């Protein structure tokens, strides 16, 4: 999953949350002031989760790059110029 895909996913999650919360407020099941308080906590936790997910992807990408560099370097050492063609 790319960073853009992650961002789109979290945007969809936020829209779903807002929609569900607004329905509860409209029906009078949840107080608007209380909803605003929890909305802030929700978005803070969503931002933290998005950051952790992005960091995990970056870590995995760096691991893959490291292994790929190793394969390429080893291949270059083991190949003679005539065997590369």
C-alpha atoms as a PDB file:
ATOM      1  CA  UNK A   1       0.000   0.000   0.000  1.00  0.00           C
ATOM      2  CA  UNK A   2       1.398   3.403  -0.951  1.00  0.00           C
ATOM      3  CA  UNK A   3       1.246   6.546   1.173  1.00  0.00           C
ATOM      4  CA  UNK A   4      -1.437   7.930  -1.141  1.00  0.00           C
ATOM      5  CA  UNK A   5      -3.547   4.791  -0.738  1.00  0.00           C
ATOM      6  CA  UNK A   6      -3.174   5.027   3.032  1.00  0.00           C
ATOM      7  CA  UNK A   7      -4.267   8.660   2.966  1.00  0.00           C
ATOM      8  CA  UNK A   8      -7.316   7.782   0.875  1.00  0.00           C
ATOM      9  CA  UNK A   9      -8.210   4.962   3.248  1.00  0.00           C
ATOM     10  CA  UNK A  10      -8.044   7.239   6.281  1.00  0.00           C
ATOM     11  CA  UNK A  11     -10.106   9.890   4.485  1.00  0.00           C
ATOM     12  CA  UNK A  12     -12.809   7.283   3.840  1.00  0.00           C
ATOM     13  CA  UNK A  13     -12.686   6.233   7.505  1.00  0.00           C
ATOM     14  CA  UNK A  14     -13.107   9.875   8.572  1.00  0.00           C
ATOM     15  CA  UNK A  15     -16.094  10.371   6.254  1.00  0.00           C
ATOM     16  CA  UNK A  16     -17.746   7.211   7.590  1.00  0.00           C
ATOM     17  CA  UNK A  17     -17.176   8.356  11.166  1.00  0.00           C
ATOM     18  CA  UNK A  18     -18.603  11.812  10.450  1.00  0.00           C
ATOM     19  CA  UNK A  19     -21.638  10.325   8.713  1.00  0.00           C
ATOM     20  CA  UNK A  20     -22.403   7.898  11.537  1.00  0.00           C
ATOM     21  CA  UNK A  21     -21.881  10.573  14.190  1.00  0.00           C
ATOM     22  CA  UNK A  22     -24.097  13.080  12.365  1.00  0.00           C
ATOM     23  CA  UNK A  23     -26.877  10.505  12.134  1.00  0.00           C
ATOM     24  CA  UNK A  24     -26.715   9.950  15.884  1.00  0.00           C
ATOM     25  CA  UNK A  25     -26.768  13.695  16.553  1.00  0.00           C
ATOM     26  CA  UNK A  26     -29.689  14.239  14.139  1.00  0.00           C
ATOM     27  CA  UNK A  27     -31.713  11.530  15.887  1.00  0.00           C
ATOM     28  CA  UNK A  28     -30.977  13.116  19.268  1.00  0.00           C
ATOM     29  CA  UNK A  29     -29.157  10.035  20.525  1.00  0.00           C
ATOM     30  CA  UNK A  30     -25.878  11.882  21.130  1.00  0.00           C
ATOM     31  CA  UNK A  31     -25.297  15.417  22.439  1.00  0.00           C
ATOM     32  CA  UNK A  32     -23.443  17.624  19.936  1.00  0.00           C
ATOM     33  CA  UNK A  33     -21.004  19.001  22.541  1.00  0.00           C
ATOM     34  CA  UNK A  34     -20.132  15.499  23.695  1.00  0.00           C
ATOM     35  CA  UNK A  35     -19.742  14.393  20.066  1.00  0.00           C
ATOM     36  CA  UNK A  36     -17.330  17.278  19.406  1.00  0.00           C
ATOM     37  CA  UNK A  37     -15.210  16.195  22.362  1.00  0.00           C
ATOM     38  CA  UNK A  38     -15.004  12.611  21.106  1.00  0.00           C
ATOM     39  CA  UNK A  39     -14.519  13.752  17.528  1.00  0.00           C
ATOM     40  CA  UNK A  40     -11.274  15.478  18.503  1.00  0.00           C
ATOM     41  CA  UNK A  41     -10.039  12.331  20.264  1.00  0.00           C
ATOM     42  CA  UNK A  42     -11.015  10.226  17.237  1.00  0.00           C
ATOM     43  CA  UNK A  43      -9.080  12.402  14.804  1.00  0.00           C
ATOM     44  CA  UNK A  44      -6.039  12.490  17.075  1.00  0.00           C
ATOM     45  CA  UNK A  45      -5.979   8.698  17.267  1.00  0.00           C
ATOM     46  CA  UNK A  46      -6.581   8.435  13.509  1.00  0.00           C
ATOM     47  CA  UNK A  47      -3.604  10.728  12.843  1.00  0.00           C
ATOM     48  CA  UNK A  48      -1.402   8.662  15.163  1.00  0.00           C
ATOM     49  CA  UNK A  49      -2.464   5.430  13.463  1.00  0.00           C
ATOM     50  CA  UNK A  50      -1.822   6.894  10.019  1.00  0.00           C
ATOM     51  CA  UNK A  51       1.666   8.002  11.098  1.00  0.00           C
ATOM     52  CA  UNK A  52       2.484   4.549  12.523  1.00  0.00           C
ATOM     53  CA  UNK A  53       1.258   2.862   9.352  1.00  0.00           C
ATOM     54  CA  UNK A  54       3.323   5.188   7.147  1.00  0.00           C
ATOM     55  CA  UNK A  55       6.407   4.524   9.271  1.00  0.00           C
ATOM     56  CA  UNK A  56       5.902   0.753   8.964  1.00  0.00           C
ATOM     57  CA  UNK A  57       5.676   1.023   5.187  1.00  0.00           C
ATOM     58  CA  UNK A  58       8.827   3.149   5.058  1.00  0.00           C
ATOM     59  CA  UNK A  59      10.652   0.602   7.238  1.00  0.00           C
ATOM     60  CA  UNK A  60       9.588  -2.280   5.012  1.00  0.00           C
ATOM     61  CA  UNK A  61      10.540  -0.327   1.904  1.00  0.00           C
ATOM     62  CA  UNK A  62      14.012   0.334   3.303  1.00  0.00           C
ATOM     63  CA  UNK A  63      14.468  -3.365   4.119  1.00  0.00           C
ATOM     64  CA  UNK A  64      13.478  -4.333   0.584  1.00  0.00           C
ATOM     65  CA  UNK A  65      15.816  -1.728  -0.925  1.00  0.00           C
ATOM     66  CA  UNK A  66      18.670  -2.999   1.206  1.00  0.00           C
ATOM     67  CA  UNK A  67      18.170  -6.580   0.027  1.00  0.00           C
ATOM     68  CA  UNK A  68      17.797  -5.449  -3.577  1.00  0.00           C
ATOM     69  CA  UNK A  69      21.057  -3.496  -3.360  1.00  0.00           C
ATOM     70  CA  UNK A  70      22.724  -6.624  -1.992  1.00  0.00           C
ATOM     71  CA  UNK A  71      21.411  -8.764  -4.848  1.00  0.00           C
ATOM     72  CA  UNK A  72      22.476  -6.240  -7.482  1.00  0.00           C
ATOM     73  CA  UNK A  73      25.934  -5.773  -5.951  1.00  0.00           C
ATOM     74  CA  UNK A  74      26.462  -9.539  -5.642  1.00  0.00           C
ATOM     75  CA  UNK A  75      25.316 -10.046  -9.223  1.00  0.00           C
ATOM     76  CA  UNK A  76      27.756  -7.409 -10.454  1.00  0.00           C
ATOM     77  CA  UNK A  77      30.634  -9.040  -8.559  1.00  0.00           C
ATOM     78  CA  UNK A  78      29.803 -12.545  -9.810  1.00  0.00           C
ATOM     79  CA  UNK A  79      29.273 -11.546 -13.449  1.00  0.00           C
ATOM     80  CA  UNK A  80      31.985 -10.880 -15.932  1.00  0.00           C
ATOM     81  CA  UNK A  81      31.296  -8.238 -18.572  1.00  0.00           C
ATOM     82  CA  UNK A  82      30.806 -10.867 -21.268  1.00  0.00           C
ATOM     83  CA  UNK A  83      28.294 -12.902 -19.201  1.00  0.00           C
ATOM     84  CA  UNK A  84      25.997  -9.879 -18.644  1.00  0.00           C
ATOM     85  CA  UNK A  85      24.990  -9.672 -22.282  1.00  0.00           C
END
